[in-house]
Amino acid sequence: MGYKQFRAFQYLNQTQLENFVSACEKVTIPAGQRILQQNSQGNQIFFVLEGDVRVFLDTPTGERDLSKITAPTILGEISFFSGEPNSANVMALTQIRALAISFEVLRQRLHKGDAATSIVMLNMAEAIAQRASAMTRKVAELYSQQSDDKLSELQSASKTLFGEWSFL
């Protein structure tokens, strides 16, 4: 699988791509191993080259699946940008082959003005912003479908999600 299949690597020329990849560690993660732990502070971004992962939540009533994702995909990027703990668990369903880069290395490269890292971060931020926009559209759709008794619960959840978004 080529690195160019990652949206995060779009707009990188070959030299920039090689520069960024050289800062990453090549890792193999066995099936059944957790890659990210819910409510734990992340410290790496994983560029999954091969394999399948399961994304799920630990809830008071047990585990709840969110999705199954097949490579190529990126894991851990939201924690990098938000500084918040991981919002979900991610487990390898099959053996995973990935590139891993620590948050610290990313920050160092950004502070040094590395063009490749800046482009990768901008591409990831754009993808996250598009997901947030889709979430906003879904909330708007849910508002129009809710009965009055469920509306206050939705309004409370919306305030929690969007209350600090002063740039909206």
N, C-alpha and C. Protein backbone atom coordinates (compact mmCIF):
# COMPACT_ATOMS: atom_id res chain seq x y z
N MET A 1 0.84 -1.19 0.00
CA MET A 1 0.00 0.00 0.00
C MET A 1 0.88 1.23 0.00
N GLY A 2 0.60 2.16 -0.89
CA GLY A 2 1.40 3.36 -0.98
C GLY A 2 0.98 4.40 0.04
N TYR A 3 1.94 5.18 0.47
CA TYR A 3 1.67 6.22 1.45
C TYR A 3 0.74 7.30 0.90
N LYS A 4 0.75 7.50 -0.40
CA LYS A 4 -0.06 8.56 -1.01
C LYS A 4 -1.56 8.29 -0.87
N GLN A 5 -1.95 7.07 -0.45
CA GLN A 5 -3.37 6.80 -0.24
C GLN A 5 -3.91 7.51 1.00
N PHE A 6 -3.03 8.00 1.84
CA PHE A 6 -3.46 8.76 3.02
C PHE A 6 -3.77 10.19 2.61
N ARG A 7 -4.97 10.60 2.95
CA ARG A 7 -5.36 11.99 2.68
C ARG A 7 -4.41 12.98 3.39
N ALA A 8 -3.89 12.57 4.54
CA ALA A 8 -2.97 13.43 5.29
C ALA A 8 -1.69 13.72 4.52
N PHE A 9 -1.36 12.86 3.56
CA PHE A 9 -0.12 13.03 2.80
C PHE A 9 -0.33 13.72 1.45
N GLN A 10 -1.57 14.14 1.17
CA GLN A 10 -1.80 14.84 -0.09
C GLN A 10 -1.04 16.16 -0.07
N TYR A 11 -0.62 16.59 -1.20
CA TYR A 11 0.14 17.83 -1.43
C TYR A 11 1.61 17.72 -1.02
N LEU A 12 2.05 16.56 -0.54
CA LEU A 12 3.47 16.39 -0.26
C LEU A 12 4.17 15.93 -1.54
N ASN A 13 5.32 16.53 -1.83
CA ASN A 13 6.10 15.99 -2.93
C ASN A 13 6.87 14.78 -2.41
N GLN A 14 7.55 14.06 -3.28
CA GLN A 14 8.20 12.82 -2.89
C GLN A 14 9.25 13.04 -1.80
N THR A 15 10.00 14.11 -1.89
CA THR A 15 11.03 14.41 -0.89
C THR A 15 10.39 14.69 0.47
N GLN A 16 9.30 15.48 0.48
CA GLN A 16 8.61 15.77 1.73
C GLN A 16 8.01 14.51 2.33
N LEU A 17 7.43 13.66 1.49
CA LEU A 17 6.85 12.41 1.97
C LEU A 17 7.92 11.54 2.61
N GLU A 18 9.04 11.39 1.94
CA GLU A 18 10.14 10.58 2.49
C GLU A 18 10.65 11.19 3.79
N ASN A 19 10.71 12.52 3.85
CA ASN A 19 11.16 13.22 5.06
C ASN A 19 10.23 12.92 6.22
N PHE A 20 8.92 12.99 5.98
CA PHE A 20 7.96 12.74 7.06
C PHE A 20 7.99 11.28 7.49
N VAL A 21 7.96 10.37 6.54
CA VAL A 21 7.95 8.94 6.85
C VAL A 21 9.21 8.54 7.62
N SER A 22 10.33 9.18 7.31
CA SER A 22 11.58 8.84 8.01
C SER A 22 11.52 9.20 9.50
N ALA A 23 10.63 10.10 9.87
CA ALA A 23 10.48 10.48 11.29
C ALA A 23 9.55 9.53 12.03
N CYS A 24 8.90 8.63 11.30
CA CYS A 24 7.97 7.68 11.88
C CYS A 24 8.67 6.35 12.18
N GLU A 25 8.08 5.63 13.11
CA GLU A 25 8.54 4.28 13.43
C GLU A 25 7.61 3.29 12.74
N LYS A 26 8.17 2.30 12.08
CA LYS A 26 7.35 1.24 11.46
C LYS A 26 7.01 0.24 12.56
N VAL A 27 5.71 -0.02 12.76
CA VAL A 27 5.27 -0.92 13.83
C VAL A 27 4.35 -2.00 13.27
N THR A 28 4.40 -3.15 13.92
CA THR A 28 3.47 -4.25 13.66
C THR A 28 2.75 -4.52 14.97
N ILE A 29 1.43 -4.52 14.91
CA ILE A 29 0.60 -4.72 16.10
C ILE A 29 -0.20 -6.00 15.90
N PRO A 30 -0.08 -6.94 16.82
CA PRO A 30 -0.79 -8.22 16.65
C PRO A 30 -2.31 -8.07 16.84
N ALA A 31 -3.04 -8.96 16.18
CA ALA A 31 -4.50 -9.01 16.34
C ALA A 31 -4.81 -9.18 17.82
N GLY A 32 -5.83 -8.48 18.28
CA GLY A 32 -6.27 -8.56 19.66
C GLY A 32 -5.66 -7.54 20.59
N GLN A 33 -4.65 -6.81 20.14
CA GLN A 33 -3.99 -5.81 21.00
C GLN A 33 -4.71 -4.47 20.89
N ARG A 34 -4.87 -3.81 22.04
CA ARG A 34 -5.43 -2.45 22.04
C ARG A 34 -4.37 -1.49 21.55
N ILE A 35 -4.82 -0.60 20.68
CA ILE A 35 -3.94 0.42 20.14
C ILE A 35 -4.15 1.72 20.89
N LEU A 36 -5.41 2.05 21.17
CA LEU A 36 -5.77 3.23 21.95
C LEU A 36 -6.70 2.81 23.07
N GLN A 37 -6.54 3.40 24.23
CA GLN A 37 -7.35 3.09 25.40
C GLN A 37 -8.24 4.29 25.72
N GLN A 38 -9.54 4.06 25.80
CA GLN A 38 -10.51 5.11 26.15
C GLN A 38 -10.10 5.77 27.46
N ASN A 39 -10.21 7.08 27.51
CA ASN A 39 -9.92 7.92 28.68
C ASN A 39 -8.45 7.95 29.08
N SER A 40 -7.57 7.40 28.26
CA SER A 40 -6.13 7.50 28.50
C SER A 40 -5.55 8.56 27.59
N GLN A 41 -4.53 9.24 28.07
CA GLN A 41 -3.90 10.29 27.27
C GLN A 41 -3.13 9.66 26.13
N GLY A 42 -3.41 10.09 24.92
CA GLY A 42 -2.68 9.61 23.75
C GLY A 42 -1.30 10.23 23.68
N ASN A 43 -0.39 9.53 22.99
CA ASN A 43 0.94 10.10 22.81
C ASN A 43 1.52 9.79 21.43
N GLN A 44 0.73 9.14 20.58
CA GLN A 44 1.18 8.81 19.23
C GLN A 44 0.03 8.90 18.24
N ILE A 45 0.38 9.17 17.01
CA ILE A 45 -0.56 9.05 15.89
C ILE A 45 -0.10 7.84 15.10
N PHE A 46 -1.07 7.02 14.70
CA PHE A 46 -0.80 5.82 13.92
C PHE A 46 -1.38 5.98 12.52
N PHE A 47 -0.56 5.77 11.52
CA PHE A 47 -0.98 5.74 10.13
C PHE A 47 -1.08 4.26 9.77
N VAL A 48 -2.29 3.72 9.80
CA VAL A 48 -2.48 2.29 9.59
C VAL A 48 -2.41 1.98 8.10
N LEU A 49 -1.38 1.20 7.74
CA LEU A 49 -1.12 0.84 6.35
C LEU A 49 -1.88 -0.41 5.92
N GLU A 50 -1.97 -1.38 6.84
CA GLU A 50 -2.64 -2.64 6.55
C GLU A 50 -3.34 -3.13 7.80
N GLY A 51 -4.53 -3.70 7.60
CA GLY A 51 -5.23 -4.33 8.71
C GLY A 51 -6.57 -3.68 9.01
N ASP A 52 -7.28 -4.32 9.95
CA ASP A 52 -8.59 -3.86 10.38
C ASP A 52 -8.57 -3.57 11.87
N VAL A 53 -9.29 -2.52 12.27
CA VAL A 53 -9.40 -2.18 13.69
C VAL A 53 -10.87 -2.08 14.08
N ARG A 54 -11.11 -2.28 15.35
CA ARG A 54 -12.44 -2.14 15.94
C ARG A 54 -12.40 -0.93 16.85
N VAL A 55 -13.35 -0.02 16.68
CA VAL A 55 -13.48 1.16 17.53
C VAL A 55 -14.70 0.93 18.41
N PHE A 56 -14.51 1.05 19.73
CA PHE A 56 -15.61 0.77 20.64
C PHE A 56 -15.48 1.57 21.92
N LEU A 57 -16.60 1.64 22.65
CA LEU A 57 -16.66 2.37 23.92
C LEU A 57 -16.86 1.40 25.06
N ASP A 58 -16.27 1.70 26.21
CA ASP A 58 -16.61 1.03 27.46
C ASP A 58 -17.72 1.86 28.08
N THR A 59 -18.86 1.24 28.33
CA THR A 59 -20.00 1.94 28.94
C THR A 59 -20.42 1.19 30.19
N PRO A 60 -21.23 1.80 31.03
CA PRO A 60 -21.70 1.10 32.23
C PRO A 60 -22.43 -0.21 31.92
N THR A 61 -22.98 -0.33 30.71
CA THR A 61 -23.69 -1.56 30.35
C THR A 61 -22.85 -2.48 29.47
N GLY A 62 -21.55 -2.22 29.38
CA GLY A 62 -20.67 -3.07 28.58
C GLY A 62 -20.08 -2.35 27.39
N GLU A 63 -19.36 -3.11 26.56
CA GLU A 63 -18.73 -2.53 25.38
C GLU A 63 -19.78 -2.25 24.30
N ARG A 64 -19.60 -1.12 23.63
CA ARG A 64 -20.50 -0.73 22.53
C ARG A 64 -19.64 -0.42 21.31
N ASP A 65 -19.85 -1.19 20.24
CA ASP A 65 -19.11 -0.97 19.00
C ASP A 65 -19.53 0.33 18.33
N LEU A 66 -18.54 1.07 17.84
CA LEU A 66 -18.80 2.27 17.06
C LEU A 66 -18.58 1.99 15.58
N SER A 67 -17.46 1.31 15.26
CA SER A 67 -17.19 1.00 13.86
C SER A 67 -16.05 0.00 13.72
N LYS A 68 -15.97 -0.55 12.54
CA LYS A 68 -14.84 -1.36 12.12
C LYS A 68 -14.21 -0.60 10.96
N ILE A 69 -12.91 -0.38 11.02
CA ILE A 69 -12.24 0.42 10.00
C ILE A 69 -11.13 -0.41 9.38
N THR A 70 -11.04 -0.35 8.08
CA THR A 70 -9.99 -1.03 7.32
C THR A 70 -8.99 0.02 6.84
N ALA A 71 -7.72 -0.34 6.85
CA ALA A 71 -6.66 0.54 6.37
C ALA A 71 -6.97 0.97 4.93
N PRO A 72 -6.53 2.15 4.55
CA PRO A 72 -5.73 3.10 5.31
C PRO A 72 -6.61 3.95 6.23
N THR A 73 -6.10 4.20 7.42
CA THR A 73 -6.78 5.08 8.36
C THR A 73 -5.74 5.66 9.32
N ILE A 74 -6.14 6.69 10.01
CA ILE A 74 -5.27 7.36 10.98
C ILE A 74 -5.95 7.28 12.34
N LEU A 75 -5.17 6.94 13.36
CA LEU A 75 -5.68 6.82 14.72
C LEU A 75 -4.90 7.75 15.65
N GLY A 76 -5.60 8.37 16.59
CA GLY A 76 -4.95 9.18 17.61
C GLY A 76 -4.81 10.65 17.28
N GLU A 77 -5.24 11.06 16.10
CA GLU A 77 -5.03 12.45 15.69
C GLU A 77 -5.89 13.43 16.47
N ILE A 78 -7.09 13.04 16.88
CA ILE A 78 -7.95 13.98 17.60
C ILE A 78 -7.33 14.32 18.95
N SER A 79 -6.76 13.34 19.63
CA SER A 79 -6.09 13.62 20.92
C SER A 79 -4.90 14.56 20.74
N PHE A 80 -4.20 14.43 19.62
CA PHE A 80 -3.08 15.35 19.36
C PHE A 80 -3.58 16.78 19.30
N PHE A 81 -4.64 17.00 18.54
CA PHE A 81 -5.14 18.36 18.36
C PHE A 81 -5.88 18.89 19.58
N SER A 82 -6.63 18.03 20.25
CA SER A 82 -7.46 18.49 21.37
C SER A 82 -6.74 18.52 22.71
N GLY A 83 -5.71 17.68 22.85
CA GLY A 83 -5.06 17.54 24.15
C GLY A 83 -5.89 16.74 25.13
N GLU A 84 -7.02 16.23 24.69
CA GLU A 84 -7.93 15.45 25.53
C GLU A 84 -7.56 13.97 25.49
N PRO A 85 -7.96 13.21 26.50
CA PRO A 85 -7.75 11.76 26.46
C PRO A 85 -8.50 11.13 25.29
N ASN A 86 -8.11 9.93 24.92
CA ASN A 86 -8.78 9.21 23.84
C ASN A 86 -10.26 9.04 24.18
N SER A 87 -11.11 9.28 23.20
CA SER A 87 -12.55 9.21 23.43
C SER A 87 -13.11 7.81 23.23
N ALA A 88 -12.30 6.89 22.70
CA ALA A 88 -12.75 5.52 22.45
C ALA A 88 -11.57 4.57 22.52
N ASN A 89 -11.88 3.30 22.57
CA ASN A 89 -10.88 2.24 22.47
C ASN A 89 -10.72 1.86 21.01
N VAL A 90 -9.50 1.46 20.65
CA VAL A 90 -9.26 0.91 19.32
C VAL A 90 -8.44 -0.36 19.51
N MET A 91 -8.94 -1.45 18.92
CA MET A 91 -8.27 -2.74 19.03
C MET A 91 -7.99 -3.27 17.63
N ALA A 92 -6.84 -3.91 17.47
CA ALA A 92 -6.50 -4.55 16.20
C ALA A 92 -7.34 -5.81 16.04
N LEU A 93 -8.09 -5.90 14.95
CA LEU A 93 -8.84 -7.11 14.64
C LEU A 93 -7.97 -8.11 13.88
N THR A 94 -7.07 -7.57 13.09
CA THR A 94 -6.10 -8.37 12.35
C THR A 94 -4.73 -7.80 12.68
N GLN A 95 -3.69 -8.46 12.23
CA GLN A 95 -2.37 -7.85 12.42
C GLN A 95 -2.35 -6.51 11.69
N ILE A 96 -1.79 -5.53 12.35
CA ILE A 96 -1.71 -4.17 11.83
C ILE A 96 -0.27 -3.84 11.47
N ARG A 97 -0.12 -3.24 10.31
CA ARG A 97 1.16 -2.66 9.93
C ARG A 97 0.92 -1.16 9.84
N ALA A 98 1.73 -0.39 10.57
CA ALA A 98 1.48 1.05 10.66
C ALA A 98 2.77 1.83 10.78
N LEU A 99 2.64 3.11 10.53
CA LEU A 99 3.67 4.08 10.88
C LEU A 99 3.18 4.76 12.15
N ALA A 100 4.06 4.95 13.12
CA ALA A 100 3.70 5.63 14.36
C ALA A 100 4.64 6.81 14.55
N ILE A 101 4.08 7.92 14.97
CA ILE A 101 4.91 9.09 15.26
C ILE A 101 4.41 9.69 16.57
N SER A 102 5.33 9.99 17.46
CA SER A 102 4.94 10.52 18.77
C SER A 102 4.51 11.97 18.67
N PHE A 103 3.64 12.35 19.60
CA PHE A 103 3.21 13.74 19.66
C PHE A 103 4.41 14.66 19.84
N GLU A 104 5.37 14.23 20.65
CA GLU A 104 6.55 15.06 20.92
C GLU A 104 7.35 15.31 19.64
N VAL A 105 7.56 14.28 18.83
CA VAL A 105 8.28 14.45 17.57
C VAL A 105 7.51 15.39 16.65
N LEU A 106 6.19 15.23 16.59
CA LEU A 106 5.38 16.13 15.76
C LEU A 106 5.55 17.58 16.21
N ARG A 107 5.47 17.81 17.51
CA ARG A 107 5.60 19.18 18.03
C ARG A 107 6.98 19.75 17.71
N GLN A 108 8.02 18.95 17.89
CA GLN A 108 9.38 19.41 17.59
C GLN A 108 9.50 19.79 16.12
N ARG A 109 8.98 18.96 15.25
CA ARG A 109 9.06 19.22 13.81
C ARG A 109 8.26 20.48 13.43
N LEU A 110 7.11 20.66 14.07
CA LEU A 110 6.33 21.87 13.80
C LEU A 110 7.07 23.12 14.27
N HIS A 111 7.66 23.06 15.46
CA HIS A 111 8.40 24.22 15.98
C HIS A 111 9.62 24.55 15.14
N LYS A 112 10.19 23.56 14.49
CA LYS A 112 11.34 23.79 13.60
C LYS A 112 10.90 24.29 12.23
N GLY A 113 9.59 24.34 11.98
CA GLY A 113 9.08 24.83 10.71
C GLY A 113 9.14 23.81 9.58
N ASP A 114 9.13 22.52 9.92
CA ASP A 114 9.19 21.48 8.89
C ASP A 114 7.96 21.54 8.00
N ALA A 115 8.16 21.76 6.71
CA ALA A 115 7.06 21.92 5.76
C ALA A 115 6.21 20.66 5.66
N ALA A 116 6.85 19.49 5.59
CA ALA A 116 6.09 18.24 5.44
C ALA A 116 5.15 18.04 6.63
N THR A 117 5.65 18.25 7.83
CA THR A 117 4.82 18.06 9.02
C THR A 117 3.68 19.08 9.04
N SER A 118 3.96 20.31 8.65
CA SER A 118 2.91 21.34 8.61
C SER A 118 1.80 20.96 7.64
N ILE A 119 2.16 20.43 6.48
CA ILE A 119 1.16 20.02 5.49
C ILE A 119 0.35 18.85 6.01
N VAL A 120 1.00 17.87 6.62
CA VAL A 120 0.29 16.71 7.17
C VAL A 120 -0.69 17.17 8.26
N MET A 121 -0.25 18.05 9.15
CA MET A 121 -1.13 18.54 10.22
C MET A 121 -2.31 19.33 9.66
N LEU A 122 -2.06 20.15 8.66
CA LEU A 122 -3.14 20.92 8.04
C LEU A 122 -4.16 19.97 7.39
N ASN A 123 -3.69 18.95 6.71
CA ASN A 123 -4.59 17.98 6.09
C ASN A 123 -5.43 17.25 7.13
N MET A 124 -4.81 16.88 8.26
CA MET A 124 -5.56 16.20 9.32
C MET A 124 -6.57 17.15 9.96
N ALA A 125 -6.18 18.39 10.17
CA ALA A 125 -7.11 19.37 10.76
C ALA A 125 -8.30 19.59 9.84
N GLU A 126 -8.07 19.62 8.55
CA GLU A 126 -9.17 19.77 7.59
C GLU A 126 -10.14 18.59 7.68
N ALA A 127 -9.61 17.39 7.78
CA ALA A 127 -10.47 16.20 7.89
C ALA A 127 -11.29 16.23 9.18
N ILE A 128 -10.67 16.64 10.28
CA ILE A 128 -11.38 16.73 11.56
C ILE A 128 -12.48 17.80 11.47
N ALA A 129 -12.18 18.93 10.83
CA ALA A 129 -13.17 19.99 10.68
C ALA A 129 -14.35 19.51 9.83
N GLN A 130 -14.08 18.70 8.82
CA GLN A 130 -15.18 18.17 8.00
C GLN A 130 -16.05 17.22 8.81
N ARG A 131 -15.42 16.41 9.68
CA ARG A 131 -16.21 15.53 10.56
C ARG A 131 -17.06 16.36 11.51
N ALA A 132 -16.51 17.44 12.06
CA ALA A 132 -17.27 18.30 12.97
C ALA A 132 -18.44 18.94 12.23
N SER A 133 -18.24 19.34 11.00
CA SER A 133 -19.30 19.93 10.20
C SER A 133 -20.42 18.90 9.95
N ALA A 134 -20.03 17.66 9.65
CA ALA A 134 -21.03 16.60 9.46
C ALA A 134 -21.80 16.35 10.75
N MET A 135 -21.11 16.42 11.88
CA MET A 135 -21.77 16.23 13.17
C MET A 135 -22.78 17.36 13.42
N THR A 136 -22.42 18.57 13.07
CA THR A 136 -23.32 19.70 13.23
C THR A 136 -24.57 19.51 12.38
N ARG A 137 -24.38 19.05 11.14
CA ARG A 137 -25.54 18.79 10.27
C ARG A 137 -26.43 17.70 10.86
N LYS A 138 -25.83 16.67 11.45
CA LYS A 138 -26.60 15.58 12.05
C LYS A 138 -27.40 16.08 13.25
N VAL A 139 -26.79 16.92 14.07
CA VAL A 139 -27.49 17.49 15.22
C VAL A 139 -28.69 18.32 14.74
N ALA A 140 -28.49 19.10 13.69
CA ALA A 140 -29.59 19.90 13.14
C ALA A 140 -30.72 19.00 12.64
N GLU A 141 -30.35 17.90 12.00
CA GLU A 141 -31.35 16.94 11.52
C GLU A 141 -32.11 16.32 12.70
N LEU A 142 -31.39 15.97 13.76
CA LEU A 142 -32.03 15.38 14.93
C LEU A 142 -32.99 16.35 15.60
N TYR A 143 -32.63 17.64 15.62
CA TYR A 143 -33.53 18.64 16.20
C TYR A 143 -34.90 18.61 15.53
N SER A 144 -34.89 18.46 14.21
CA SER A 144 -36.16 18.50 13.49
C SER A 144 -36.98 17.22 13.67
N GLN A 145 -36.36 16.15 14.18
CA GLN A 145 -37.05 14.87 14.31
C GLN A 145 -37.46 14.53 15.73
N GLN A 146 -37.07 15.34 16.71
CA GLN A 146 -37.30 14.99 18.11
C GLN A 146 -38.64 15.48 18.63
N SER A 147 -39.22 14.67 19.51
CA SER A 147 -40.41 15.10 20.22
C SER A 147 -39.97 16.05 21.33
N ASP A 148 -40.93 16.78 21.89
CA ASP A 148 -40.61 17.79 22.91
C ASP A 148 -39.90 17.20 24.12
N ASP A 149 -40.26 15.98 24.53
CA ASP A 149 -39.63 15.40 25.73
C ASP A 149 -38.16 15.04 25.48
N LYS A 150 -37.79 14.72 24.26
CA LYS A 150 -36.40 14.38 23.95
C LYS A 150 -35.58 15.62 23.56
N LEU A 151 -36.26 16.72 23.25
CA LEU A 151 -35.59 17.92 22.79
C LEU A 151 -34.66 18.50 23.84
N SER A 152 -35.06 18.51 25.12
CA SER A 152 -34.20 19.08 26.16
C SER A 152 -32.92 18.26 26.32
N GLU A 153 -33.00 16.93 26.18
CA GLU A 153 -31.81 16.09 26.25
C GLU A 153 -30.86 16.40 25.08
N LEU A 154 -31.41 16.58 23.89
CA LEU A 154 -30.61 16.92 22.72
C LEU A 154 -29.99 18.31 22.87
N GLN A 155 -30.76 19.26 23.40
CA GLN A 155 -30.24 20.61 23.60
C GLN A 155 -29.07 20.60 24.59
N SER A 156 -29.19 19.82 25.64
CA SER A 156 -28.12 19.70 26.63
C SER A 156 -26.87 19.09 25.99
N ALA A 157 -27.04 18.03 25.20
CA ALA A 157 -25.91 17.41 24.52
C ALA A 157 -25.27 18.38 23.53
N SER A 158 -26.09 19.15 22.82
CA SER A 158 -25.57 20.12 21.85
C SER A 158 -24.76 21.20 22.55
N LYS A 159 -25.26 21.66 23.70
CA LYS A 159 -24.53 22.69 24.44
C LYS A 159 -23.17 22.16 24.88
N THR A 160 -23.14 20.89 25.32
CA THR A 160 -21.88 20.28 25.72
C THR A 160 -20.94 20.18 24.54
N LEU A 161 -21.45 19.76 23.40
CA LEU A 161 -20.61 19.60 22.21
C LEU A 161 -20.10 20.92 21.66
N PHE A 162 -20.98 21.90 21.58
CA PHE A 162 -20.66 23.11 20.85
C PHE A 162 -20.53 24.36 21.71
N GLY A 163 -20.68 24.23 23.03
CA GLY A 163 -20.69 25.39 23.91
C GLY A 163 -19.43 26.23 23.88
N GLU A 164 -18.29 25.61 23.64
CA GLU A 164 -17.02 26.35 23.67
C GLU A 164 -16.52 26.68 22.27
N TRP A 165 -17.34 26.48 21.26
CA TRP A 165 -16.92 26.75 19.89
C TRP A 165 -17.16 28.21 19.56
N SER A 166 -16.32 29.07 20.10
CA SER A 166 -16.51 30.51 19.93
C SER A 166 -16.27 30.95 18.48
N PHE A 167 -15.66 30.08 17.66
CA PHE A 167 -15.38 30.47 16.28
C PHE A 167 -16.54 30.18 15.34
N LEU A 168 -17.65 29.60 15.85
CA LEU A 168 -18.81 29.31 14.99
C LEU A 168 -19.55 30.56 14.62
